[in-house]
Amino acid sequence: MSANVSPAVYTTASPLGDACLLIGRIALMVLFVMSGISKFADIAGTAAYIASKGLPAPTALAVLSGLTEVLGSLLIVIGWQTRIVALGLLVYTLIAAYFFHDFWHLPQGAERLDAMIHALKNLSIAGAFLMLAGSGAGRYSVDGPCVMHNRPSAG
């Protein structure tokens, strides 16, 4: 449990809210796990796409982005260092939107609309990460309080 959060915060939380946080964490990370695995399945293709955007060290960035997505997802799902990881993934998601869904550089048409939808989805996902950073992972997580240590004393 975080040193700056009192146990009372957790004891007054709704079990339904904690269950929603757990299910939400899992649902949010499905996309990132699958995307990270696909990057590792085709590092060369991912690096070529990154290079097409003019970014440096495309192979290193392909590996780094795959690691970020897979490891970040696992940390969010188990709920370890959730607030920090959520902020990191928020930044990662906004950077990805800026470089890879830059609809403002495209002419009117289907390609621009598709890129805009993806950019807005990334913005929505960033909002979910911001909420997770604010709320934490809830009781059903590694970050959550240990039930054994938060029982009222018997004496």
N, C-alpha and C. Protein backbone atom coordinates (compact mmCIF):
# COMPACT_ATOMS: atom_id res chain seq x y z
N MET A 1 0.84 -1.18 0.00
CA MET A 1 0.00 0.00 0.00
C MET A 1 0.88 1.23 0.00
N SER A 2 0.44 2.24 -0.68
CA SER A 2 1.18 3.48 -0.77
C SER A 2 1.28 4.13 0.61
N ALA A 3 2.42 4.72 0.90
CA ALA A 3 2.65 5.32 2.21
C ALA A 3 1.75 6.53 2.45
N ASN A 4 1.28 7.19 1.42
CA ASN A 4 0.49 8.40 1.60
C ASN A 4 -1.02 8.16 1.56
N VAL A 5 -1.45 6.90 1.54
CA VAL A 5 -2.87 6.59 1.52
C VAL A 5 -3.21 5.81 2.78
N SER A 6 -4.17 6.31 3.54
CA SER A 6 -4.52 5.63 4.78
C SER A 6 -5.38 4.41 4.48
N PRO A 7 -5.33 3.39 5.36
CA PRO A 7 -6.15 2.19 5.15
C PRO A 7 -7.64 2.51 5.08
N ALA A 8 -8.06 3.61 5.68
CA ALA A 8 -9.48 3.97 5.65
C ALA A 8 -9.98 4.20 4.23
N VAL A 9 -9.11 4.67 3.36
CA VAL A 9 -9.49 4.89 1.97
C VAL A 9 -9.94 3.58 1.35
N TYR A 10 -9.24 2.49 1.66
CA TYR A 10 -9.57 1.20 1.09
C TYR A 10 -10.77 0.56 1.77
N THR A 11 -10.90 0.74 3.06
CA THR A 11 -12.00 0.07 3.77
C THR A 11 -13.34 0.69 3.42
N THR A 12 -13.37 1.93 2.98
CA THR A 12 -14.64 2.55 2.60
C THR A 12 -14.92 2.37 1.11
N ALA A 13 -13.96 1.83 0.36
CA ALA A 13 -14.17 1.62 -1.07
C ALA A 13 -15.17 0.50 -1.29
N SER A 14 -15.90 0.60 -2.36
CA SER A 14 -16.91 -0.39 -2.70
C SER A 14 -16.27 -1.64 -3.28
N PRO A 15 -16.68 -2.83 -2.83
CA PRO A 15 -16.18 -4.05 -3.48
C PRO A 15 -16.52 -4.08 -4.96
N LEU A 16 -17.67 -3.53 -5.33
CA LEU A 16 -18.04 -3.45 -6.74
C LEU A 16 -17.06 -2.55 -7.49
N GLY A 17 -16.69 -1.44 -6.87
CA GLY A 17 -15.72 -0.54 -7.49
C GLY A 17 -14.37 -1.21 -7.69
N ASP A 18 -13.94 -1.98 -6.70
CA ASP A 18 -12.67 -2.70 -6.83
C ASP A 18 -12.76 -3.76 -7.93
N ALA A 19 -13.88 -4.44 -8.02
CA ALA A 19 -14.07 -5.44 -9.07
C ALA A 19 -14.08 -4.76 -10.44
N CYS A 20 -14.72 -3.60 -10.53
CA CYS A 20 -14.73 -2.85 -11.80
C CYS A 20 -13.33 -2.41 -12.18
N LEU A 21 -12.53 -1.99 -11.20
CA LEU A 21 -11.15 -1.61 -11.50
C LEU A 21 -10.35 -2.80 -12.02
N LEU A 22 -10.54 -3.97 -11.42
CA LEU A 22 -9.83 -5.16 -11.88
C LEU A 22 -10.24 -5.53 -13.30
N ILE A 23 -11.53 -5.61 -13.55
CA ILE A 23 -12.02 -5.96 -14.89
C ILE A 23 -11.61 -4.89 -15.90
N GLY A 24 -11.69 -3.63 -15.50
CA GLY A 24 -11.28 -2.54 -16.38
C GLY A 24 -9.80 -2.58 -16.71
N ARG A 25 -8.97 -2.90 -15.71
CA ARG A 25 -7.53 -3.01 -15.97
C ARG A 25 -7.26 -4.11 -16.99
N ILE A 26 -7.91 -5.24 -16.83
CA ILE A 26 -7.71 -6.35 -17.76
C ILE A 26 -8.18 -5.97 -19.16
N ALA A 27 -9.39 -5.41 -19.26
CA ALA A 27 -9.95 -5.04 -20.57
C ALA A 27 -9.09 -3.99 -21.27
N LEU A 28 -8.61 -3.02 -20.51
CA LEU A 28 -7.79 -1.95 -21.08
C LEU A 28 -6.49 -2.50 -21.65
N MET A 29 -5.95 -3.53 -21.03
CA MET A 29 -4.64 -4.01 -21.42
C MET A 29 -4.65 -5.06 -22.52
N VAL A 30 -5.80 -5.61 -22.87
CA VAL A 30 -5.87 -6.61 -23.95
C VAL A 30 -5.25 -6.05 -25.23
N LEU A 31 -5.63 -4.84 -25.59
CA LEU A 31 -5.11 -4.20 -26.79
C LEU A 31 -3.59 -4.08 -26.76
N PHE A 32 -3.05 -3.68 -25.61
CA PHE A 32 -1.62 -3.46 -25.50
C PHE A 32 -0.83 -4.77 -25.53
N VAL A 33 -1.34 -5.81 -24.88
CA VAL A 33 -0.67 -7.12 -24.92
C VAL A 33 -0.62 -7.62 -26.36
N MET A 34 -1.75 -7.59 -27.03
CA MET A 34 -1.81 -8.08 -28.42
C MET A 34 -0.91 -7.24 -29.33
N SER A 35 -0.92 -5.94 -29.16
CA SER A 35 -0.10 -5.06 -29.98
C SER A 35 1.39 -5.31 -29.72
N GLY A 36 1.76 -5.46 -28.46
CA GLY A 36 3.15 -5.72 -28.12
C GLY A 36 3.64 -7.04 -28.68
N ILE A 37 2.81 -8.08 -28.58
CA ILE A 37 3.18 -9.39 -29.11
C ILE A 37 3.33 -9.31 -30.63
N SER A 38 2.43 -8.59 -31.29
CA SER A 38 2.53 -8.47 -32.75
C SER A 38 3.79 -7.71 -33.16
N LYS A 39 4.23 -6.76 -32.34
CA LYS A 39 5.48 -6.06 -32.64
C LYS A 39 6.66 -7.03 -32.58
N PHE A 40 6.68 -7.90 -31.57
CA PHE A 40 7.76 -8.88 -31.46
C PHE A 40 7.69 -9.92 -32.56
N ALA A 41 6.50 -10.22 -33.03
CA ALA A 41 6.34 -11.21 -34.11
C ALA A 41 6.89 -10.68 -35.43
N ASP A 42 6.96 -9.35 -35.57
CA ASP A 42 7.46 -8.75 -36.81
C ASP A 42 8.25 -7.49 -36.50
N ILE A 43 9.37 -7.67 -35.82
CA ILE A 43 10.21 -6.52 -35.45
C ILE A 43 10.63 -5.73 -36.69
N ALA A 44 10.99 -6.44 -37.77
CA ALA A 44 11.44 -5.76 -38.99
C ALA A 44 10.32 -4.89 -39.57
N GLY A 45 9.12 -5.42 -39.61
CA GLY A 45 7.98 -4.65 -40.13
C GLY A 45 7.66 -3.47 -39.24
N THR A 46 7.70 -3.67 -37.93
CA THR A 46 7.45 -2.58 -36.98
C THR A 46 8.52 -1.50 -37.14
N ALA A 47 9.78 -1.93 -37.25
CA ALA A 47 10.89 -0.98 -37.43
C ALA A 47 10.74 -0.20 -38.73
N ALA A 48 10.30 -0.88 -39.79
CA ALA A 48 10.10 -0.19 -41.07
C ALA A 48 9.00 0.87 -40.95
N TYR A 49 7.94 0.55 -40.23
CA TYR A 49 6.86 1.52 -40.03
C TYR A 49 7.36 2.71 -39.22
N ILE A 50 8.12 2.44 -38.17
CA ILE A 50 8.68 3.51 -37.35
C ILE A 50 9.62 4.38 -38.21
N ALA A 51 10.45 3.74 -39.03
CA ALA A 51 11.37 4.47 -39.91
C ALA A 51 10.61 5.34 -40.90
N SER A 52 9.45 4.85 -41.36
CA SER A 52 8.66 5.62 -42.33
C SER A 52 8.15 6.94 -41.75
N LYS A 53 8.14 7.03 -40.43
CA LYS A 53 7.72 8.26 -39.77
C LYS A 53 8.90 9.18 -39.46
N GLY A 54 10.10 8.75 -39.89
CA GLY A 54 11.28 9.58 -39.71
C GLY A 54 11.89 9.53 -38.32
N LEU A 55 11.53 8.55 -37.53
CA LEU A 55 12.07 8.46 -36.17
C LEU A 55 13.42 7.73 -36.19
N PRO A 56 14.31 8.10 -35.26
CA PRO A 56 15.64 7.48 -35.24
C PRO A 56 15.60 6.08 -34.61
N ALA A 57 16.63 5.28 -34.88
CA ALA A 57 16.83 3.95 -34.28
C ALA A 57 15.55 3.12 -34.31
N PRO A 58 15.01 2.88 -35.49
CA PRO A 58 13.70 2.22 -35.58
C PRO A 58 13.66 0.81 -34.98
N THR A 59 14.73 0.04 -35.11
CA THR A 59 14.71 -1.31 -34.53
C THR A 59 14.69 -1.24 -33.02
N ALA A 60 15.50 -0.37 -32.46
CA ALA A 60 15.51 -0.20 -31.00
C ALA A 60 14.15 0.30 -30.51
N LEU A 61 13.55 1.23 -31.24
CA LEU A 61 12.23 1.73 -30.84
C LEU A 61 11.16 0.65 -30.99
N ALA A 62 11.30 -0.22 -31.99
CA ALA A 62 10.34 -1.32 -32.15
C ALA A 62 10.40 -2.26 -30.95
N VAL A 63 11.60 -2.62 -30.54
CA VAL A 63 11.77 -3.49 -29.37
C VAL A 63 11.28 -2.79 -28.11
N LEU A 64 11.67 -1.52 -27.95
CA LEU A 64 11.26 -0.76 -26.77
C LEU A 64 9.74 -0.62 -26.71
N SER A 65 9.09 -0.38 -27.84
CA SER A 65 7.63 -0.23 -27.82
C SER A 65 6.96 -1.57 -27.50
N GLY A 66 7.49 -2.66 -28.04
CA GLY A 66 6.93 -3.98 -27.70
C GLY A 66 7.08 -4.28 -26.22
N LEU A 67 8.26 -4.00 -25.68
CA LEU A 67 8.48 -4.21 -24.24
C LEU A 67 7.57 -3.33 -23.39
N THR A 68 7.44 -2.08 -23.79
CA THR A 68 6.58 -1.14 -23.06
C THR A 68 5.15 -1.67 -23.01
N GLU A 69 4.66 -2.13 -24.15
CA GLU A 69 3.27 -2.59 -24.21
C GLU A 69 3.06 -3.88 -23.43
N VAL A 70 3.95 -4.85 -23.59
CA VAL A 70 3.76 -6.14 -22.91
C VAL A 70 4.02 -6.01 -21.40
N LEU A 71 5.16 -5.45 -21.02
CA LEU A 71 5.48 -5.34 -19.60
C LEU A 71 4.54 -4.37 -18.88
N GLY A 72 4.25 -3.25 -19.53
CA GLY A 72 3.30 -2.31 -18.93
C GLY A 72 1.95 -2.95 -18.71
N SER A 73 1.50 -3.74 -19.68
CA SER A 73 0.21 -4.43 -19.55
C SER A 73 0.20 -5.39 -18.37
N LEU A 74 1.27 -6.18 -18.27
CA LEU A 74 1.33 -7.14 -17.17
C LEU A 74 1.33 -6.44 -15.82
N LEU A 75 2.05 -5.34 -15.71
CA LEU A 75 2.08 -4.59 -14.45
C LEU A 75 0.72 -4.00 -14.11
N ILE A 76 0.04 -3.48 -15.11
CA ILE A 76 -1.31 -2.92 -14.87
C ILE A 76 -2.27 -4.04 -14.47
N VAL A 77 -2.23 -5.17 -15.15
CA VAL A 77 -3.16 -6.27 -14.86
C VAL A 77 -2.96 -6.78 -13.44
N ILE A 78 -1.70 -6.98 -13.02
CA ILE A 78 -1.50 -7.47 -11.66
C ILE A 78 -1.63 -6.35 -10.64
N GLY A 79 -1.57 -5.12 -11.11
CA GLY A 79 -1.75 -3.98 -10.22
C GLY A 79 -0.52 -3.66 -9.39
N TRP A 80 0.65 -3.68 -10.00
CA TRP A 80 1.88 -3.32 -9.28
C TRP A 80 2.39 -1.99 -9.80
N GLN A 81 2.59 -1.03 -8.89
CA GLN A 81 3.02 0.32 -9.25
C GLN A 81 2.08 0.92 -10.30
N THR A 82 0.79 0.69 -10.10
CA THR A 82 -0.23 1.01 -11.10
C THR A 82 -0.25 2.49 -11.48
N ARG A 83 -0.18 3.35 -10.50
CA ARG A 83 -0.26 4.78 -10.80
C ARG A 83 0.90 5.25 -11.67
N ILE A 84 2.09 4.80 -11.36
CA ILE A 84 3.28 5.19 -12.12
C ILE A 84 3.24 4.58 -13.52
N VAL A 85 2.92 3.29 -13.60
CA VAL A 85 2.86 2.61 -14.90
C VAL A 85 1.77 3.24 -15.77
N ALA A 86 0.63 3.56 -15.17
CA ALA A 86 -0.46 4.19 -15.94
C ALA A 86 -0.02 5.54 -16.51
N LEU A 87 0.72 6.32 -15.73
CA LEU A 87 1.22 7.60 -16.25
C LEU A 87 2.22 7.37 -17.39
N GLY A 88 3.06 6.36 -17.25
CA GLY A 88 4.00 6.04 -18.32
C GLY A 88 3.29 5.62 -19.59
N LEU A 89 2.28 4.78 -19.46
CA LEU A 89 1.53 4.33 -20.63
C LEU A 89 0.67 5.46 -21.21
N LEU A 90 0.24 6.38 -20.38
CA LEU A 90 -0.48 7.56 -20.87
C LEU A 90 0.43 8.35 -21.80
N VAL A 91 1.66 8.63 -21.37
CA VAL A 91 2.61 9.37 -22.19
C VAL A 91 2.91 8.59 -23.47
N TYR A 92 3.15 7.29 -23.35
CA TYR A 92 3.44 6.43 -24.50
C TYR A 92 2.28 6.50 -25.52
N THR A 93 1.06 6.44 -25.03
CA THR A 93 -0.12 6.45 -25.90
C THR A 93 -0.27 7.79 -26.62
N LEU A 94 -0.01 8.88 -25.92
CA LEU A 94 -0.10 10.20 -26.56
C LEU A 94 1.01 10.39 -27.59
N ILE A 95 2.21 9.89 -27.29
CA ILE A 95 3.31 9.97 -28.26
C ILE A 95 2.96 9.16 -29.51
N ALA A 96 2.40 7.97 -29.30
CA ALA A 96 2.00 7.13 -30.44
C ALA A 96 0.94 7.83 -31.28
N ALA A 97 -0.01 8.48 -30.64
CA ALA A 97 -1.05 9.20 -31.38
C ALA A 97 -0.43 10.31 -32.21
N TYR A 98 0.51 11.04 -31.62
CA TYR A 98 1.12 12.17 -32.33
C TYR A 98 1.90 11.71 -33.56
N PHE A 99 2.71 10.67 -33.41
CA PHE A 99 3.57 10.25 -34.51
C PHE A 99 2.89 9.32 -35.52
N PHE A 100 1.95 8.50 -35.06
CA PHE A 100 1.44 7.46 -35.94
C PHE A 100 -0.02 7.64 -36.36
N HIS A 101 -0.70 8.61 -35.78
CA HIS A 101 -2.08 8.89 -36.18
C HIS A 101 -2.24 10.38 -36.44
N ASP A 102 -1.27 10.95 -37.14
CA ASP A 102 -1.20 12.39 -37.38
C ASP A 102 -2.11 12.80 -38.54
N PHE A 103 -3.39 12.71 -38.30
CA PHE A 103 -4.40 12.99 -39.33
C PHE A 103 -4.31 14.40 -39.87
N TRP A 104 -3.79 15.34 -39.08
CA TRP A 104 -3.72 16.73 -39.51
C TRP A 104 -2.74 16.93 -40.68
N HIS A 105 -1.90 15.92 -40.94
CA HIS A 105 -0.98 16.00 -42.09
C HIS A 105 -1.54 15.34 -43.34
N LEU A 106 -2.71 14.75 -43.24
CA LEU A 106 -3.28 14.00 -44.37
C LEU A 106 -4.35 14.82 -45.09
N PRO A 107 -4.51 14.60 -46.39
CA PRO A 107 -5.59 15.28 -47.11
C PRO A 107 -6.95 14.70 -46.71
N GLN A 108 -7.99 15.46 -46.97
CA GLN A 108 -9.35 14.99 -46.68
C GLN A 108 -9.58 13.64 -47.35
N GLY A 109 -10.31 12.77 -46.68
CA GLY A 109 -10.62 11.47 -47.27
C GLY A 109 -10.61 10.37 -46.24
N ALA A 110 -10.71 9.14 -46.70
CA ALA A 110 -10.85 7.98 -45.83
C ALA A 110 -9.61 7.77 -44.96
N GLU A 111 -8.43 7.97 -45.52
CA GLU A 111 -7.20 7.77 -44.74
C GLU A 111 -7.12 8.77 -43.58
N ARG A 112 -7.49 10.02 -43.85
CA ARG A 112 -7.49 11.04 -42.79
C ARG A 112 -8.51 10.69 -41.71
N LEU A 113 -9.70 10.27 -42.12
CA LEU A 113 -10.75 9.92 -41.16
C LEU A 113 -10.30 8.74 -40.29
N ASP A 114 -9.69 7.73 -40.90
CA ASP A 114 -9.20 6.58 -40.16
C ASP A 114 -8.14 6.99 -39.14
N ALA A 115 -7.19 7.82 -39.55
CA ALA A 115 -6.14 8.28 -38.64
C ALA A 115 -6.73 9.12 -37.52
N MET A 116 -7.74 9.95 -37.83
CA MET A 116 -8.37 10.77 -36.81
C MET A 116 -9.09 9.89 -35.78
N ILE A 117 -9.79 8.88 -36.23
CA ILE A 117 -10.48 7.97 -35.31
C ILE A 117 -9.46 7.28 -34.40
N HIS A 118 -8.35 6.83 -34.98
CA HIS A 118 -7.32 6.18 -34.16
C HIS A 118 -6.72 7.16 -33.15
N ALA A 119 -6.49 8.40 -33.57
CA ALA A 119 -5.95 9.41 -32.66
C ALA A 119 -6.92 9.67 -31.51
N LEU A 120 -8.21 9.76 -31.83
CA LEU A 120 -9.21 9.99 -30.78
C LEU A 120 -9.35 8.79 -29.85
N LYS A 121 -9.20 7.58 -30.40
CA LYS A 121 -9.20 6.39 -29.55
C LYS A 121 -8.00 6.43 -28.60
N ASN A 122 -6.85 6.83 -29.11
CA ASN A 122 -5.68 6.95 -28.24
C ASN A 122 -5.92 7.99 -27.15
N LEU A 123 -6.59 9.08 -27.50
CA LEU A 123 -6.91 10.09 -26.50
C LEU A 123 -7.84 9.51 -25.43
N SER A 124 -8.80 8.72 -25.84
CA SER A 124 -9.71 8.07 -24.88
C SER A 124 -8.96 7.09 -23.99
N ILE A 125 -8.07 6.32 -24.58
CA ILE A 125 -7.26 5.38 -23.79
C ILE A 125 -6.38 6.15 -22.81
N ALA A 126 -5.82 7.27 -23.25
CA ALA A 126 -5.02 8.11 -22.35
C ALA A 126 -5.88 8.58 -21.18
N GLY A 127 -7.14 8.90 -21.45
CA GLY A 127 -8.06 9.28 -20.37
C GLY A 127 -8.27 8.15 -19.38
N ALA A 128 -8.37 6.94 -19.87
CA ALA A 128 -8.50 5.78 -18.98
C ALA A 128 -7.25 5.62 -18.12
N PHE A 129 -6.07 5.82 -18.72
CA PHE A 129 -4.84 5.75 -17.93
C PHE A 129 -4.78 6.85 -16.89
N LEU A 130 -5.27 8.03 -17.24
CA LEU A 130 -5.30 9.13 -16.28
C LEU A 130 -6.21 8.80 -15.10
N MET A 131 -7.37 8.21 -15.39
CA MET A 131 -8.27 7.80 -14.30
C MET A 131 -7.62 6.73 -13.43
N LEU A 132 -6.94 5.78 -14.05
CA LEU A 132 -6.26 4.72 -13.32
C LEU A 132 -5.13 5.29 -12.46
N ALA A 133 -4.41 6.26 -12.99
CA ALA A 133 -3.37 6.93 -12.21
C ALA A 133 -3.97 7.64 -11.01
N GLY A 134 -5.15 8.19 -11.18
CA GLY A 134 -5.80 8.89 -10.07
C GLY A 134 -6.42 7.97 -9.05
N SER A 135 -6.98 6.87 -9.50
CA SER A 135 -7.70 5.98 -8.58
C SER A 135 -6.82 4.90 -7.99
N GLY A 136 -5.78 4.50 -8.69
CA GLY A 136 -4.99 3.35 -8.29
C GLY A 136 -5.68 2.08 -8.76
N ALA A 137 -5.09 0.95 -8.41
CA ALA A 137 -5.57 -0.34 -8.91
C ALA A 137 -6.73 -0.92 -8.11
N GLY A 138 -6.96 -0.42 -6.92
CA GLY A 138 -8.00 -0.99 -6.07
C GLY A 138 -7.48 -2.13 -5.22
N ARG A 139 -8.39 -2.72 -4.45
CA ARG A 139 -7.99 -3.78 -3.51
C ARG A 139 -7.52 -5.05 -4.19
N TYR A 140 -8.05 -5.36 -5.36
CA TYR A 140 -7.71 -6.61 -6.03
C TYR A 140 -6.48 -6.42 -6.89
N SER A 141 -5.35 -6.17 -6.23
CA SER A 141 -4.11 -5.88 -6.93
C SER A 141 -2.95 -6.07 -5.97
N VAL A 142 -1.75 -6.10 -6.53
CA VAL A 142 -0.56 -6.15 -5.69
C VAL A 142 -0.43 -4.85 -4.90
N ASP A 143 -0.82 -3.73 -5.50
CA ASP A 143 -0.75 -2.44 -4.80
C ASP A 143 -1.77 -2.33 -3.68
N GLY A 144 -2.88 -3.08 -3.78
CA GLY A 144 -3.95 -3.00 -2.79
C GLY A 144 -3.47 -3.47 -1.43
N PRO A 145 -4.20 -3.13 -0.40
CA PRO A 145 -3.78 -3.50 0.95
C PRO A 145 -3.90 -5.00 1.17
N CYS A 146 -3.05 -5.50 2.00
CA CYS A 146 -3.11 -6.89 2.41
C CYS A 146 -4.23 -7.04 3.43
N VAL A 147 -5.19 -7.90 3.16
CA VAL A 147 -6.33 -8.06 4.04
C VAL A 147 -5.90 -8.48 5.45
N MET A 148 -4.90 -9.33 5.54
CA MET A 148 -4.43 -9.81 6.84
C MET A 148 -3.90 -8.67 7.71
N HIS A 149 -3.25 -7.68 7.11
CA HIS A 149 -2.65 -6.61 7.89
C HIS A 149 -3.62 -5.49 8.21
N ASN A 150 -4.76 -5.47 7.60
CA ASN A 150 -5.72 -4.40 7.84
C ASN A 150 -6.91 -4.84 8.68
N ARG A 151 -6.82 -6.01 9.29
CA ARG A 151 -7.88 -6.44 10.20
C ARG A 151 -7.81 -5.66 11.49
N PRO A 152 -8.97 -5.39 12.11
CA PRO A 152 -8.94 -4.75 13.43
C PRO A 152 -8.23 -5.67 14.43
N SER A 153 -7.49 -5.07 15.32
CA SER A 153 -6.78 -5.88 16.32
C SER A 153 -7.77 -6.53 17.28
N ALA A 154 -7.41 -7.70 17.78
CA ALA A 154 -8.31 -8.48 18.65
C ALA A 154 -8.27 -8.00 20.08
N GLY A 155 -7.47 -7.06 20.39
CA GLY A 155 -7.33 -6.71 21.80
C GLY A 155 -7.72 -5.38 22.08
